[in-house]
Structure formats: C-alpha cells, structure tokens
Amino acid sequence: MAGMNTTGTPKKSEYNDRTVEIEVTGVCRQDVMRTGNYTVKVNHSRMVEAMQNINSLGGKVSKVTTEPST
C-alpha cells in the first residue's frame, strides 16, 4: 500500500518444513490397525493426502496441531 513502511526482514514461511500432527478416531479395520485412536505426523505439504486417506478408511480427524520446525 502507498505510504506504508515496514521494518525488519520479512521471513517467508516454509510449510514443507512444518510438521502436522493429526489425531484420528474411528478406524477399526483389523487389516490396517487394531486401535481405534491414533496419531499421525506428516509434513504440512502432505496433510490433505493424509486426511483423505483417513476419511477413506472410515476414520474421523479429531484434532490437528501444527508444529513449526526449529
């Protein structure tokens, strides 16, 4: 915007460097896993793919937590 000044160096967010923790409930297929609740850690760039896989197995995402890389 005109007349707007910024200070400091802008830092570009790298989503591929972030880890997403997805808590899943409701998967009870014996050939996939035996527990009904579990946690999956994936890169942010693969989050949608992981959630689609969970949905196709009949599971539900109960919580998503983003962990930035250090």
Protein backbone atom coordinates (compact mmCIF):
# COMPACT_ATOMS: atom_id res chain seq x y z
CA MET A 1 0.00 0.00 0.00
CA ALA A 2 1.18 3.52 -0.65
CA GLY A 3 2.73 5.23 2.34
CA MET A 4 3.19 2.01 4.28
CA ASN A 5 6.65 1.36 5.69
CA THR A 6 7.85 -1.95 7.05
CA THR A 7 10.80 -2.63 9.28
CA GLY A 8 12.91 -5.73 9.51
CA THR A 9 13.37 -8.51 7.03
CA PRO A 10 10.27 -10.42 6.01
CA LYS A 11 10.58 -14.14 6.65
CA LYS A 12 8.98 -16.49 4.19
CA SER A 13 7.02 -19.28 5.84
CA GLU A 14 8.14 -22.70 4.68
CA TYR A 15 5.16 -25.03 5.03
CA ASN A 16 7.18 -28.01 3.85
CA ASP A 17 9.38 -27.60 6.93
CA ARG A 18 6.40 -27.81 9.29
CA THR A 19 5.06 -30.98 10.81
CA VAL A 20 1.36 -31.54 11.32
CA GLU A 21 0.09 -33.93 13.96
CA ILE A 22 -3.33 -35.40 13.16
CA GLU A 23 -5.31 -37.21 15.85
CA VAL A 24 -7.67 -39.80 14.39
CA THR A 25 -10.62 -41.68 15.86
CA GLY A 26 -12.93 -44.34 14.50
CA VAL A 27 -10.64 -46.55 12.42
CA CYS A 28 -11.29 -50.15 13.42
CA ARG A 29 -10.20 -52.16 10.39
CA GLN A 30 -8.20 -55.17 11.55
CA ASP A 31 -6.10 -55.31 8.36
CA VAL A 32 -4.99 -51.67 8.77
CA MET A 33 -4.60 -51.30 12.52
CA ARG A 34 -6.08 -52.65 15.70
CA THR A 35 -6.59 -49.48 17.69
CA GLY A 36 -9.49 -47.09 17.25
CA ASN A 37 -7.49 -43.95 18.11
CA TYR A 38 -4.06 -42.97 16.87
CA THR A 39 -1.84 -40.02 15.90
CA VAL A 40 -0.21 -39.41 12.52
CA LYS A 41 2.68 -36.98 11.92
CA VAL A 42 3.14 -35.76 8.34
CA ASN A 43 4.70 -32.82 6.56
CA HIS A 44 2.33 -29.89 6.02
CA SER A 45 2.50 -30.45 2.27
CA ARG A 46 1.04 -33.98 2.70
CA MET A 47 -1.71 -33.06 5.16
CA VAL A 48 -4.58 -33.15 2.65
CA GLU A 49 -3.47 -36.52 1.30
CA ALA A 50 -3.27 -37.96 4.83
CA MET A 51 -6.72 -36.61 5.72
CA GLN A 52 -8.22 -38.11 2.55
CA ASN A 53 -6.67 -41.47 3.44
CA ILE A 54 -8.11 -41.27 6.96
CA ASN A 55 -11.54 -40.47 5.54
CA SER A 56 -11.37 -43.38 3.08
CA LEU A 57 -10.63 -45.75 5.99
CA GLY A 58 -13.75 -44.52 7.80
CA GLY A 59 -11.87 -42.51 10.41
CA LYS A 60 -12.52 -39.01 11.68
CA VAL A 61 -9.99 -36.29 12.39
CA SER A 62 -10.41 -35.17 15.98
CA LYS A 63 -7.55 -32.67 16.22
CA VAL A 64 -4.86 -31.10 14.03
CA THR A 65 -1.78 -29.49 15.57
CA THR A 66 0.88 -27.63 13.60
CA GLU A 67 4.45 -27.79 14.86
CA PRO A 68 6.87 -25.34 13.22
CA SER A 69 10.38 -26.59 12.55
CA THR A 70 13.22 -25.27 14.65
